[in-house]
Amino acid sequence: MKQTILVTGGTGFIGSHTTVELQQSGYDVVIIDNLSNSKIEVVDGIEKITGIRPAFEKVDLRDKDATEEVFKKYPGICGIIHFAASKAVGESVEKPLLYYRNNIVSLINLLELMPEYNVKGIIFSSSCTVYGQPDKDHLPVTEDAPIQKALSPYGNTKQINEEIIQDYIHSGAPIKSIILRYFNPIGAHPTALIGELPNGVPMNLIPFVTQTAIGIRKQLKIFGNDYNTADGTCIRDYIYVVDLAKAHVKAMQRVLDMDTEPVEFFNIGTGRGVSTFEVVEGFEKATGVKVNWEYAPRREGDIEKVWADPKHANTVLGWKADTPLEETLATAWRWQVKLREDGVM
């Protein structure tokens, strides 16, 4: 009998790609999403790729009663992958209470319901933001790097949620968790049937690059060119979203089928730091399309440089990110072109 996984935020960027990988690995998937930053048509894209339509429930996870109805309707749910959250650093600085309410209440509701409905494990979508700006002795970042005071409310919600999961399991809750701290997901599915489609003005770099390249946005701003890096722009670890999705499948298999510690942490990245300028340059090289961009002042909440040491995930999870950056950037452009062809944007 197939195992059923609940994917919260499953019509979002990472959630949709993870749903595809779960289905292709033999799991049944139930998606919960309130569609606040995604579109229902994503479910059609998932079905076209896999030949299977995941169950979908439009629910706001802050509503515990509505969330519980999903567990009643699908009594076989044995694991949760929790993506649903507000996730823009800049917006979180402007609207902190929105972020605390959305990101924390939703997790608490899920955790409370898990033992009641015999849900064995939860994979939590965390972030490298918990490491803040690591000192040079902790670059690249291992799981043992110190957790630092968050530079944004978004980052703080990730830290708080990690602590909530640990405290709950420490209290004796009969569940397990793997916390995946991932770096910067980019790209789109190679079929160009799903990809990153934020509502309104993009908060992330790559959709802003592709939207500028196709003429939706007039100009890309690179925030800050006076950082202590080789070209003065911020450095990140950009990981292909399909590679990232596969890490979640590995983590779920580990939580459900192996005898492991009740809480485990893994950094999910490529191990390579790439500057914002290098990303724009790489996009132009991969696609042959020029991007109109200029430098702008630094943005509050941005970290100067951070990239992963993924050895722990490579060895223990048996997972590795191996898609080259230019290939990944090319998938993002194919997705943008497909959106234009389909009249979406």
C-alpha atoms as a PDB file:
ATOM      1  CA  MET A   1       0.000   0.000   0.000  1.00  0.00           C
ATOM      2  CA  LYS A   2       1.305   3.427  -0.929  1.00  0.00           C
ATOM      3  CA  GLN A   3       2.284   5.794   1.868  1.00  0.00           C
ATOM      4  CA  THR A   4       0.468   9.153   1.874  1.00  0.00           C
ATOM      5  CA  ILE A   5       2.394  12.379   2.421  1.00  0.00           C
ATOM      6  CA  LEU A   6       0.846  15.749   3.234  1.00  0.00           C
ATOM      7  CA  VAL A   7       2.675  18.587   1.470  1.00  0.00           C
ATOM      8  CA  THR A   8       1.797  22.014   2.874  1.00  0.00           C
ATOM      9  CA  GLY A   9       2.402  24.844   0.427  1.00  0.00           C
ATOM     10  CA  GLY A  10       2.400  22.181  -2.269  1.00  0.00           C
ATOM     11  CA  THR A  11       1.420  24.517  -5.118  1.00  0.00           C
ATOM     12  CA  GLY A  12       4.361  26.776  -4.296  1.00  0.00           C
ATOM     13  CA  PHE A  13       7.743  26.736  -5.972  1.00  0.00           C
ATOM     14  CA  ILE A  14       9.558  24.086  -3.928  1.00  0.00           C
ATOM     15  CA  GLY A  15       6.382  22.304  -2.851  1.00  0.00           C
ATOM     16  CA  SER A  16       5.240  21.598  -6.405  1.00  0.00           C
ATOM     17  CA  HIS A  17       8.618  20.182  -7.447  1.00  0.00           C
ATOM     18  CA  THR A  18       8.727  18.052  -4.302  1.00  0.00           C
ATOM     19  CA  THR A  19       5.219  16.745  -5.017  1.00  0.00           C
ATOM     20  CA  VAL A  20       6.433  15.614  -8.442  1.00  0.00           C
ATOM     21  CA  GLU A  21       9.441  13.805  -6.945  1.00  0.00           C
ATOM     22  CA  LEU A  22       7.291  12.183  -4.246  1.00  0.00           C
ATOM     23  CA  GLN A  23       4.795  10.900  -6.799  1.00  0.00           C
ATOM     24  CA  GLN A  24       7.563   9.617  -9.033  1.00  0.00           C
ATOM     25  CA  SER A  25       8.999   7.793  -6.005  1.00  0.00           C
ATOM     26  CA  GLY A  26       5.713   5.979  -5.356  1.00  0.00           C
ATOM     27  CA  TYR A  27       4.043   8.126  -2.690  1.00  0.00           C
ATOM     28  CA  ASP A  28       0.475   9.417  -2.702  1.00  0.00           C
ATOM     29  CA  VAL A  29       0.356  13.178  -2.051  1.00  0.00           C
ATOM     30  CA  VAL A  30      -2.225  15.452  -0.462  1.00  0.00           C
ATOM     31  CA  ILE A  31      -1.534  19.171  -0.964  1.00  0.00           C
ATOM     32  CA  ILE A  32      -2.703  21.878   1.436  1.00  0.00           C
ATOM     33  CA  ASP A  33      -2.306  25.445   0.183  1.00  0.00           C
ATOM     34  CA  ASN A  34      -4.222  28.697   0.705  1.00  0.00           C
ATOM     35  CA  LEU A  35      -3.011  29.964  -2.711  1.00  0.00           C
ATOM     36  CA  SER A  36      -1.778  33.229  -1.173  1.00  0.00           C
ATOM     37  CA  ASN A  37       1.404  33.085  -3.250  1.00  0.00           C
ATOM     38  CA  SER A  38       0.639  30.422  -5.849  1.00  0.00           C
ATOM     39  CA  LYS A  39      -1.996  29.359  -8.388  1.00  0.00           C
ATOM     40  CA  ILE A  40      -4.271  26.332  -8.545  1.00  0.00           C
ATOM     41  CA  GLU A  41      -3.146  25.683 -12.149  1.00  0.00           C
ATOM     42  CA  VAL A  42       0.110  24.345 -10.691  1.00  0.00           C
ATOM     43  CA  VAL A  43      -1.796  21.138  -9.880  1.00  0.00           C
ATOM     44  CA  ASP A  44      -2.455  20.741 -13.633  1.00  0.00           C
ATOM     45  CA  GLY A  45       1.281  21.047 -14.302  1.00  0.00           C
ATOM     46  CA  ILE A  46       2.078  18.383 -11.701  1.00  0.00           C
ATOM     47  CA  GLU A  47      -0.473  16.033 -13.279  1.00  0.00           C
ATOM     48  CA  LYS A  48       0.971  16.576 -16.772  1.00  0.00           C
ATOM     49  CA  ILE A  49       4.459  15.672 -15.554  1.00  0.00           C
ATOM     50  CA  THR A  50       3.600  12.603 -13.468  1.00  0.00           C
ATOM     51  CA  GLY A  51       0.297  11.417 -14.910  1.00  0.00           C
ATOM     52  CA  ILE A  52      -1.131  11.565 -11.387  1.00  0.00           C
ATOM     53  CA  ARG A  53      -3.278  14.364  -9.982  1.00  0.00           C
ATOM     54  CA  PRO A  54      -2.461  14.978  -6.316  1.00  0.00           C
ATOM     55  CA  ALA A  55      -5.342  15.577  -3.931  1.00  0.00           C
ATOM     56  CA  PHE A  56      -5.701  19.304  -3.219  1.00  0.00           C
ATOM     57  CA  GLU A  57      -7.325  21.105  -0.310  1.00  0.00           C
ATOM     58  CA  LYS A  58      -7.533  24.894  -0.152  1.00  0.00           C
ATOM     59  CA  VAL A  59      -6.931  25.478   3.551  1.00  0.00           C
ATOM     60  CA  ASP A  60      -5.251  28.156   5.650  1.00  0.00           C
ATOM     61  CA  LEU A  61      -3.106  26.305   8.189  1.00  0.00           C
ATOM     62  CA  ARG A  62      -3.726  29.027  10.768  1.00  0.00           C
ATOM     63  CA  ASP A  63      -7.278  27.619  10.939  1.00  0.00           C
ATOM     64  CA  LYS A  64      -6.793  24.518  13.095  1.00  0.00           C
ATOM     65  CA  ASP A  65     -10.337  23.200  12.632  1.00  0.00           C
ATOM     66  CA  ALA A  66     -10.077  23.378   8.838  1.00  0.00           C
ATOM     67  CA  THR A  67      -6.652  21.748   8.993  1.00  0.00           C
ATOM     68  CA  GLU A  68      -8.000  18.912  11.151  1.00  0.00           C
ATOM     69  CA  GLU A  69     -10.717  18.236   8.571  1.00  0.00           C
ATOM     70  CA  VAL A  70      -7.959  17.356   6.092  1.00  0.00           C
ATOM     71  CA  PHE A  71      -6.558  14.703   8.445  1.00  0.00           C
ATOM     72  CA  LYS A  72     -10.077  13.305   8.904  1.00  0.00           C
ATOM     73  CA  LYS A  73     -10.648  13.188   5.140  1.00  0.00           C
ATOM     74  CA  TYR A  74      -7.294  11.481   4.443  1.00  0.00           C
ATOM     75  CA  PRO A  75      -6.759   9.145   7.426  1.00  0.00           C
ATOM     76  CA  GLY A  76      -3.699   7.453   5.902  1.00  0.00           C
ATOM     77  CA  ILE A  77      -1.325  10.443   6.125  1.00  0.00           C
ATOM     78  CA  CYS A  78       1.929   9.166   7.658  1.00  0.00           C
ATOM     79  CA  GLY A  79       4.289  12.070   6.983  1.00  0.00           C
ATOM     80  CA  ILE A  80       4.248  15.840   6.442  1.00  0.00           C
ATOM     81  CA  ILE A  81       6.567  18.053   4.431  1.00  0.00           C
ATOM     82  CA  HIS A  82       5.931  21.566   5.701  1.00  0.00           C
ATOM     83  CA  PHE A  83       6.691  24.345   3.208  1.00  0.00           C
ATOM     84  CA  ALA A  84       3.757  26.692   3.783  1.00  0.00           C
ATOM     85  CA  ALA A  85       5.137  30.013   5.011  1.00  0.00           C
ATOM     86  CA  SER A  86       5.637  33.633   4.083  1.00  0.00           C
ATOM     87  CA  LYS A  87       9.213  33.818   2.866  1.00  0.00           C
ATOM     88  CA  ALA A  88      10.451  37.212   1.673  1.00  0.00           C
ATOM     89  CA  VAL A  89      13.200  38.758   3.816  1.00  0.00           C
ATOM     90  CA  GLY A  90      12.427  42.350   2.844  1.00  0.00           C
ATOM     91  CA  GLU A  91       8.683  42.015   3.327  1.00  0.00           C
ATOM     92  CA  SER A  92       9.222  40.412   6.741  1.00  0.00           C
ATOM     93  CA  VAL A  93      11.131  43.497   7.897  1.00  0.00           C
ATOM     94  CA  GLU A  94       8.150  45.646   6.855  1.00  0.00           C
ATOM     95  CA  LYS A  95       5.402  43.282   8.142  1.00  0.00           C
ATOM     96  CA  PRO A  96       6.855  41.303  11.065  1.00  0.00           C
ATOM     97  CA  LEU A  97       3.557  40.360  12.725  1.00  0.00           C
ATOM     98  CA  LEU A  98       2.239  38.867   9.480  1.00  0.00           C
ATOM     99  CA  TYR A  99       5.297  36.618   9.357  1.00  0.00           C
ATOM    100  CA  TYR A 100       5.096  35.551  12.991  1.00  0.00           C
ATOM    101  CA  ARG A 101       1.403  34.718  12.691  1.00  0.00           C
ATOM    102  CA  ASN A 102       1.642  32.869   9.356  1.00  0.00           C
ATOM    103  CA  ASN A 103       4.818  30.940   9.974  1.00  0.00           C
ATOM    104  CA  ILE A 104       4.516  29.952  13.622  1.00  0.00           C
ATOM    105  CA  VAL A 105       0.810  29.314  14.176  1.00  0.00           C
ATOM    106  CA  SER A 106       0.639  27.025  11.136  1.00  0.00           C
ATOM    107  CA  LEU A 107       3.443  24.804  12.458  1.00  0.00           C
ATOM    108  CA  ILE A 108       1.966  24.595  15.967  1.00  0.00           C
ATOM    109  CA  ASN A 109      -1.381  23.483  14.556  1.00  0.00           C
ATOM    110  CA  LEU A 110       0.261  20.714  12.525  1.00  0.00           C
ATOM    111  CA  LEU A 111       2.369  19.477  15.446  1.00  0.00           C
ATOM    112  CA  GLU A 112      -0.652  19.316  17.746  1.00  0.00           C
ATOM    113  CA  LEU A 113      -2.600  17.268  15.207  1.00  0.00           C
ATOM    114  CA  MET A 114       0.175  14.807  14.306  1.00  0.00           C
ATOM    115  CA  PRO A 115      -0.116  12.443  17.328  1.00  0.00           C
ATOM    116  CA  GLU A 116      -3.919  12.532  17.177  1.00  0.00           C
ATOM    117  CA  TYR A 117      -3.847  11.186  13.616  1.00  0.00           C
ATOM    118  CA  ASN A 118      -0.821   8.879  13.922  1.00  0.00           C
ATOM    119  CA  VAL A 119       1.422  10.968  11.671  1.00  0.00           C
ATOM    120  CA  LYS A 120       4.926   9.635  12.191  1.00  0.00           C
ATOM    121  CA  GLY A 121       7.224  12.379  10.926  1.00  0.00           C
ATOM    122  CA  ILE A 122       7.576  15.925   9.648  1.00  0.00           C
ATOM    123  CA  ILE A 123      10.194  17.361   7.307  1.00  0.00           C
ATOM    124  CA  PHE A 124      10.550  21.050   8.099  1.00  0.00           C
ATOM    125  CA  SER A 125      11.573  23.535   5.432  1.00  0.00           C
ATOM    126  CA  SER A 126      14.173  25.629   7.223  1.00  0.00           C
ATOM    127  CA  SER A 127      16.822  27.958   5.888  1.00  0.00           C
ATOM    128  CA  CYS A 128      20.469  28.895   6.003  1.00  0.00           C
ATOM    129  CA  THR A 129      19.259  32.202   7.439  1.00  0.00           C
ATOM    130  CA  VAL A 130      19.486  30.540  10.880  1.00  0.00           C
ATOM    131  CA  TYR A 131      23.282  30.800  10.599  1.00  0.00           C
ATOM    132  CA  GLY A 132      23.124  34.562  10.044  1.00  0.00           C
ATOM    133  CA  GLN A 133      26.431  35.853   8.709  1.00  0.00           C
ATOM    134  CA  PRO A 134      28.872  33.062   9.613  1.00  0.00           C
ATOM    135  CA  ASP A 135      32.420  34.080  10.500  1.00  0.00           C
ATOM    136  CA  LYS A 136      35.214  32.980   8.187  1.00  0.00           C
ATOM    137  CA  ASP A 137      35.954  29.944  10.366  1.00  0.00           C
ATOM    138  CA  HIS A 138      32.468  28.602   9.617  1.00  0.00           C
ATOM    139  CA  LEU A 139      32.453  29.058   5.839  1.00  0.00           C
ATOM    140  CA  PRO A 140      31.400  26.844   4.156  1.00  0.00           C
ATOM    141  CA  VAL A 141      28.656  26.252   6.712  1.00  0.00           C
ATOM    142  CA  THR A 142      28.333  22.887   8.454  1.00  0.00           C
ATOM    143  CA  GLU A 143      25.417  21.840  10.648  1.00  0.00           C
ATOM    144  CA  ASP A 144      27.646  22.544  13.663  1.00  0.00           C
ATOM    145  CA  ALA A 145      27.998  26.247  12.849  1.00  0.00           C
ATOM    146  CA  PRO A 146      26.540  28.440  15.599  1.00  0.00           C
ATOM    147  CA  ILE A 147      22.978  29.686  15.228  1.00  0.00           C
ATOM    148  CA  GLN A 148      23.087  33.488  15.218  1.00  0.00           C
ATOM    149  CA  LYS A 149      20.568  36.177  15.969  1.00  0.00           C
ATOM    150  CA  ALA A 150      18.348  36.451  12.927  1.00  0.00           C
ATOM    151  CA  LEU A 151      18.741  39.511  10.715  1.00  0.00           C
ATOM    152  CA  SER A 152      15.068  39.506   9.703  1.00  0.00           C
ATOM    153  CA  PRO A 153      11.709  38.395  11.111  1.00  0.00           C
ATOM    154  CA  TYR A 154      11.587  35.755   8.338  1.00  0.00           C
ATOM    155  CA  GLY A 155      14.857  34.282   9.549  1.00  0.00           C
ATOM    156  CA  ASN A 156      13.667  34.485  13.134  1.00  0.00           C
ATOM    157  CA  THR A 157      10.523  32.472  12.346  1.00  0.00           C
ATOM    158  CA  LYS A 158      12.735  29.685  10.994  1.00  0.00           C
ATOM    159  CA  GLN A 159      14.809  29.682  14.184  1.00  0.00           C
ATOM    160  CA  ILE A 160      11.723  29.757  16.415  1.00  0.00           C
ATOM    161  CA  ASN A 161      10.079  26.932  14.465  1.00  0.00           C
ATOM    162  CA  GLU A 162      13.194  24.766  14.723  1.00  0.00           C
ATOM    163  CA  GLU A 163      13.136  25.306  18.500  1.00  0.00           C
ATOM    164  CA  ILE A 164       9.410  24.518  18.689  1.00  0.00           C
ATOM    165  CA  ILE A 165       9.951  21.188  16.902  1.00  0.00           C
ATOM    166  CA  GLN A 166      12.879  20.267  19.165  1.00  0.00           C
ATOM    167  CA  ASP A 167      11.031  21.268  22.356  1.00  0.00           C
ATOM    168  CA  TYR A 168       7.902  19.353  21.329  1.00  0.00           C
ATOM    169  CA  ILE A 169       9.786  16.154  20.541  1.00  0.00           C
ATOM    170  CA  HIS A 170      11.904  16.532  23.700  1.00  0.00           C
ATOM    171  CA  SER A 171       8.657  16.699  25.697  1.00  0.00           C
ATOM    172  CA  GLY A 172       7.878  13.151  24.574  1.00  0.00           C
ATOM    173  CA  ALA A 173       5.721  13.743  21.511  1.00  0.00           C
ATOM    174  CA  PRO A 174       5.688  10.469  19.518  1.00  0.00           C
ATOM    175  CA  ILE A 175       6.929  11.970  16.266  1.00  0.00           C
ATOM    176  CA  LYS A 176      10.221  12.400  14.396  1.00  0.00           C
ATOM    177  CA  SER A 177      11.533  15.314  12.374  1.00  0.00           C
ATOM    178  CA  ILE A 178      14.223  16.118   9.858  1.00  0.00           C
ATOM    179  CA  ILE A 179      14.987  19.812   9.564  1.00  0.00           C
ATOM    180  CA  LEU A 180      16.404  20.763   6.168  1.00  0.00           C
ATOM    181  CA  ARG A 181      18.305  24.047   6.173  1.00  0.00           C
ATOM    182  CA  TYR A 182      18.535  24.947   2.560  1.00  0.00           C
ATOM    183  CA  PHE A 183      20.213  27.635   0.687  1.00  0.00           C
ATOM    184  CA  ASN A 184      18.870  29.422  -2.441  1.00  0.00           C
ATOM    185  CA  PRO A 185      16.563  27.336  -4.654  1.00  0.00           C
ATOM    186  CA  ILE A 186      16.386  28.384  -8.313  1.00  0.00           C
ATOM    187  CA  GLY A 187      15.397  27.056 -11.729  1.00  0.00           C
ATOM    188  CA  ALA A 188      12.323  25.191 -12.948  1.00  0.00           C
ATOM    189  CA  HIS A 189      11.309  21.680 -13.914  1.00  0.00           C
ATOM    190  CA  PRO A 190      12.983  20.609 -17.193  1.00  0.00           C
ATOM    191  CA  THR A 191       9.530  20.176 -18.775  1.00  0.00           C
ATOM    192  CA  ALA A 192       8.794  23.898 -18.125  1.00  0.00           C
ATOM    193  CA  LEU A 193       5.398  22.786 -16.781  1.00  0.00           C
ATOM    194  CA  ILE A 194       6.070  24.081 -13.242  1.00  0.00           C
ATOM    195  CA  GLY A 195       8.437  26.729 -11.913  1.00  0.00           C
ATOM    196  CA  GLU A 196       8.682  29.793  -9.725  1.00  0.00           C
ATOM    197  CA  LEU A 197       5.650  32.062 -10.172  1.00  0.00           C
ATOM    198  CA  PRO A 198       5.365  34.639  -7.399  1.00  0.00           C
ATOM    199  CA  ASN A 199       2.286  36.838  -7.214  1.00  0.00           C
ATOM    200  CA  GLY A 200       3.140  40.479  -7.923  1.00  0.00           C
ATOM    201  CA  VAL A 201       6.696  41.813  -7.934  1.00  0.00           C
ATOM    202  CA  PRO A 202       9.201  39.002  -7.323  1.00  0.00           C
ATOM    203  CA  MET A 203      11.136  39.079  -4.057  1.00  0.00           C
ATOM    204  CA  ASN A 204      13.725  36.529  -5.244  1.00  0.00           C
ATOM    205  CA  LEU A 205      16.596  37.150  -7.646  1.00  0.00           C
ATOM    206  CA  ILE A 206      15.982  34.668 -10.446  1.00  0.00           C
ATOM    207  CA  PRO A 207      12.341  35.469 -11.289  1.00  0.00           C
ATOM    208  CA  PHE A 208      13.297  39.142 -11.281  1.00  0.00           C
ATOM    209  CA  VAL A 209      16.150  38.342 -13.693  1.00  0.00           C
ATOM    210  CA  THR A 210      13.900  36.377 -16.050  1.00  0.00           C
ATOM    211  CA  GLN A 211      11.071  38.915 -15.874  1.00  0.00           C
ATOM    212  CA  THR A 212      13.530  41.704 -16.673  1.00  0.00           C
ATOM    213  CA  ALA A 213      15.048  39.703 -19.526  1.00  0.00           C
ATOM    214  CA  ILE A 214      11.624  39.170 -21.117  1.00  0.00           C
ATOM    215  CA  GLY A 215      10.557  42.804 -20.604  1.00  0.00           C
ATOM    216  CA  ILE A 216       8.049  42.541 -17.741  1.00  0.00           C
ATOM    217  CA  ARG A 217      10.336  44.504 -15.412  1.00  0.00           C
ATOM    218  CA  LYS A 218      12.240  47.529 -16.688  1.00  0.00           C
ATOM    219  CA  GLN A 219      15.398  46.927 -14.717  1.00  0.00           C
ATOM    220  CA  LEU A 220      17.011  44.559 -12.240  1.00  0.00           C
ATOM    221  CA  LYS A 221      18.601  46.133  -9.192  1.00  0.00           C
ATOM    222  CA  ILE A 222      21.604  44.422  -7.609  1.00  0.00           C
ATOM    223  CA  PHE A 223      21.463  45.515  -3.982  1.00  0.00           C
ATOM    224  CA  GLY A 224      24.946  46.507  -2.846  1.00  0.00           C
ATOM    225  CA  ASN A 225      28.275  46.410  -4.683  1.00  0.00           C
ATOM    226  CA  ASP A 226      30.484  47.287  -1.718  1.00  0.00           C
ATOM    227  CA  TYR A 227      30.418  43.990   0.191  1.00  0.00           C
ATOM    228  CA  ASN A 228      33.664  42.267   1.156  1.00  0.00           C
ATOM    229  CA  THR A 229      33.553  39.855  -1.798  1.00  0.00           C
ATOM    230  CA  ALA A 230      35.560  39.532  -5.012  1.00  0.00           C
ATOM    231  CA  ASP A 231      33.114  41.643  -7.084  1.00  0.00           C
ATOM    232  CA  GLY A 232      31.409  43.508  -4.210  1.00  0.00           C
ATOM    233  CA  THR A 233      28.058  41.703  -4.526  1.00  0.00           C
ATOM    234  CA  CYS A 234      26.510  39.203  -2.098  1.00  0.00           C
ATOM    235  CA  ILE A 235      27.445  35.527  -2.308  1.00  0.00           C
ATOM    236  CA  ARG A 236      24.907  32.709  -2.020  1.00  0.00           C
ATOM    237  CA  ASP A 237      24.683  28.979  -2.643  1.00  0.00           C
ATOM    238  CA  TYR A 238      22.207  28.558  -5.505  1.00  0.00           C
ATOM    239  CA  ILE A 239      20.686  25.080  -5.710  1.00  0.00           C
ATOM    240  CA  TYR A 240      18.548  23.625  -8.499  1.00  0.00           C
ATOM    241  CA  VAL A 241      15.002  23.209  -7.228  1.00  0.00           C
ATOM    242  CA  VAL A 242      14.701  19.657  -8.607  1.00  0.00           C
ATOM    243  CA  ASP A 243      17.868  18.620  -6.750  1.00  0.00           C
ATOM    244  CA  LEU A 244      16.409  20.231  -3.615  1.00  0.00           C
ATOM    245  CA  ALA A 245      13.085  18.425  -4.069  1.00  0.00           C
ATOM    246  CA  LYS A 246      14.888  15.085  -4.220  1.00  0.00           C
ATOM    247  CA  ALA A 247      16.470  15.825  -0.823  1.00  0.00           C
ATOM    248  CA  HIS A 248      12.979  15.959   0.688  1.00  0.00           C
ATOM    249  CA  VAL A 249      12.150  12.514  -0.683  1.00  0.00           C
ATOM    250  CA  LYS A 250      15.357  11.112   0.830  1.00  0.00           C
ATOM    251  CA  ALA A 251      14.531  12.790   4.144  1.00  0.00           C
ATOM    252  CA  MET A 252      10.993  11.410   4.179  1.00  0.00           C
ATOM    253  CA  GLN A 253      12.230   7.890   3.462  1.00  0.00           C
ATOM    254  CA  ARG A 254      14.665   8.239   6.348  1.00  0.00           C
ATOM    255  CA  VAL A 255      12.043   9.512   8.817  1.00  0.00           C
ATOM    256  CA  LEU A 256       9.436   6.879   7.943  1.00  0.00           C
ATOM    257  CA  ASP A 257      11.519   3.789   7.259  1.00  0.00           C
ATOM    258  CA  MET A 258      14.715   4.003   9.319  1.00  0.00           C
ATOM    259  CA  ASP A 259      15.592   3.863  13.011  1.00  0.00           C
ATOM    260  CA  THR A 260      17.116   7.317  13.505  1.00  0.00           C
ATOM    261  CA  GLU A 261      17.426  10.070  16.085  1.00  0.00           C
ATOM    262  CA  PRO A 262      14.093  11.849  16.683  1.00  0.00           C
ATOM    263  CA  VAL A 263      15.431  15.186  15.334  1.00  0.00           C
ATOM    264  CA  GLU A 264      18.107  15.541  12.652  1.00  0.00           C
ATOM    265  CA  PHE A 265      19.499  18.523  10.727  1.00  0.00           C
ATOM    266  CA  PHE A 266      20.907  18.675   7.204  1.00  0.00           C
ATOM    267  CA  ASN A 267      22.298  21.549   5.143  1.00  0.00           C
ATOM    268  CA  ILE A 268      20.988  21.291   1.590  1.00  0.00           C
ATOM    269  CA  GLY A 269      23.186  23.170  -0.861  1.00  0.00           C
ATOM    270  CA  THR A 270      25.766  22.740  -3.606  1.00  0.00           C
ATOM    271  CA  GLY A 271      28.847  23.702  -1.604  1.00  0.00           C
ATOM    272  CA  ARG A 272      29.649  26.492  -4.069  1.00  0.00           C
ATOM    273  CA  GLY A 273      29.297  30.209  -3.347  1.00  0.00           C
ATOM    274  CA  VAL A 274      28.230  32.365  -6.303  1.00  0.00           C
ATOM    275  CA  SER A 275      27.883  36.153  -6.329  1.00  0.00           C
ATOM    276  CA  THR A 276      24.795  38.023  -7.518  1.00  0.00           C
ATOM    277  CA  PHE A 277      26.841  39.482 -10.363  1.00  0.00           C
ATOM    278  CA  GLU A 278      28.022  35.991 -11.383  1.00  0.00           C
ATOM    279  CA  VAL A 279      24.409  34.780 -11.480  1.00  0.00           C
ATOM    280  CA  VAL A 280      23.374  37.574 -13.850  1.00  0.00           C
ATOM    281  CA  GLU A 281      26.473  36.985 -15.969  1.00  0.00           C
ATOM    282  CA  GLY A 282      25.804  33.216 -15.959  1.00  0.00           C
ATOM    283  CA  PHE A 283      22.194  33.762 -17.008  1.00  0.00           C
ATOM    284  CA  GLU A 284      23.269  35.870 -19.989  1.00  0.00           C
ATOM    285  CA  LYS A 285      25.801  33.216 -20.984  1.00  0.00           C
ATOM    286  CA  ALA A 286      23.336  30.328 -20.598  1.00  0.00           C
ATOM    287  CA  THR A 287      20.533  32.006 -22.562  1.00  0.00           C
ATOM    288  CA  GLY A 288      22.181  34.548 -24.857  1.00  0.00           C
ATOM    289  CA  VAL A 289      19.749  37.142 -23.483  1.00  0.00           C
ATOM    290  CA  LYS A 290      20.968  40.438 -22.010  1.00  0.00           C
ATOM    291  CA  VAL A 291      19.557  41.735 -18.735  1.00  0.00           C
ATOM    292  CA  ASN A 292      19.107  45.462 -18.047  1.00  0.00           C
ATOM    293  CA  TRP A 293      20.498  45.919 -14.521  1.00  0.00           C
ATOM    294  CA  GLU A 294      22.122  48.459 -12.261  1.00  0.00           C
ATOM    295  CA  TYR A 295      23.582  48.596  -8.779  1.00  0.00           C
ATOM    296  CA  ALA A 296      21.417  49.910  -5.926  1.00  0.00           C
ATOM    297  CA  PRO A 297      22.074  50.549  -2.216  1.00  0.00           C
ATOM    298  CA  ARG A 298      22.277  47.628   0.174  1.00  0.00           C
ATOM    299  CA  ARG A 299      18.979  46.139   1.361  1.00  0.00           C
ATOM    300  CA  GLU A 300      18.206  45.719   5.054  1.00  0.00           C
ATOM    301  CA  GLY A 301      18.352  42.109   6.255  1.00  0.00           C
ATOM    302  CA  ASP A 302      20.663  40.817   3.503  1.00  0.00           C
ATOM    303  CA  ILE A 303      23.623  38.647   4.512  1.00  0.00           C
ATOM    304  CA  GLU A 304      26.996  39.277   2.862  1.00  0.00           C
ATOM    305  CA  LYS A 305      28.087  35.731   2.068  1.00  0.00           C
ATOM    306  CA  VAL A 306      26.978  32.240   2.936  1.00  0.00           C
ATOM    307  CA  TRP A 307      27.287  28.848   1.279  1.00  0.00           C
ATOM    308  CA  ALA A 308      26.881  25.261   2.413  1.00  0.00           C
ATOM    309  CA  ASP A 309      29.104  22.408   3.347  1.00  0.00           C
ATOM    310  CA  PRO A 310      26.726  19.629   2.199  1.00  0.00           C
ATOM    311  CA  LYS A 311      28.919  16.642   3.176  1.00  0.00           C
ATOM    312  CA  HIS A 312      26.558  15.515   5.966  1.00  0.00           C
ATOM    313  CA  ALA A 313      23.610  15.333   3.546  1.00  0.00           C
ATOM    314  CA  ASN A 314      25.807  13.719   0.901  1.00  0.00           C
ATOM    315  CA  THR A 315      26.907  10.900   3.206  1.00  0.00           C
ATOM    316  CA  VAL A 316      23.998  10.345   5.607  1.00  0.00           C
ATOM    317  CA  LEU A 317      21.039  11.090   3.322  1.00  0.00           C
ATOM    318  CA  GLY A 318      22.768   9.742   0.234  1.00  0.00           C
ATOM    319  CA  TRP A 319      21.836  12.904  -1.637  1.00  0.00           C
ATOM    320  CA  LYS A 320      23.840  15.333  -3.748  1.00  0.00           C
ATOM    321  CA  ALA A 321      23.132  18.473  -5.798  1.00  0.00           C
ATOM    322  CA  ASP A 322      24.897  17.984  -9.105  1.00  0.00           C
ATOM    323  CA  THR A 323      23.104  20.135 -11.711  1.00  0.00           C
ATOM    324  CA  PRO A 324      25.435  22.847 -13.136  1.00  0.00           C
ATOM    325  CA  LEU A 325      24.459  26.486 -12.517  1.00  0.00           C
ATOM    326  CA  GLU A 326      24.152  27.443 -16.193  1.00  0.00           C
ATOM    327  CA  GLU A 327      21.884  24.467 -16.879  1.00  0.00           C
ATOM    328  CA  THR A 328      19.745  25.482 -13.912  1.00  0.00           C
ATOM    329  CA  LEU A 329      19.518  29.093 -15.131  1.00  0.00           C
ATOM    330  CA  ALA A 330      18.520  27.853 -18.585  1.00  0.00           C
ATOM    331  CA  THR A 331      15.546  25.989 -17.051  1.00  0.00           C
ATOM    332  CA  ALA A 332      14.406  29.218 -15.376  1.00  0.00           C
ATOM    333  CA  TRP A 333      14.467  30.992 -18.745  1.00  0.00           C
ATOM    334  CA  ARG A 334      12.553  28.178 -20.502  1.00  0.00           C
ATOM    335  CA  TRP A 335       9.906  28.461 -17.796  1.00  0.00           C
ATOM    336  CA  GLN A 336       9.627  32.229 -18.303  1.00  0.00           C
ATOM    337  CA  VAL A 337       9.332  31.788 -22.076  1.00  0.00           C
ATOM    338  CA  LYS A 338       6.612  29.150 -21.558  1.00  0.00           C
ATOM    339  CA  LEU A 339       4.698  31.588 -19.307  1.00  0.00           C
ATOM    340  CA  ARG A 340       4.820  34.154 -22.106  1.00  0.00           C
ATOM    341  CA  GLU A 341       3.700  31.596 -24.691  1.00  0.00           C
ATOM    342  CA  ASP A 342       0.788  30.575 -22.482  1.00  0.00           C
ATOM    343  CA  GLY A 343      -0.233  34.219 -21.961  1.00  0.00           C
ATOM    344  CA  VAL A 344       0.369  34.088 -18.225  1.00  0.00           C
ATOM    345  CA  MET A 345       2.976  36.871 -18.146  1.00  0.00           C
END
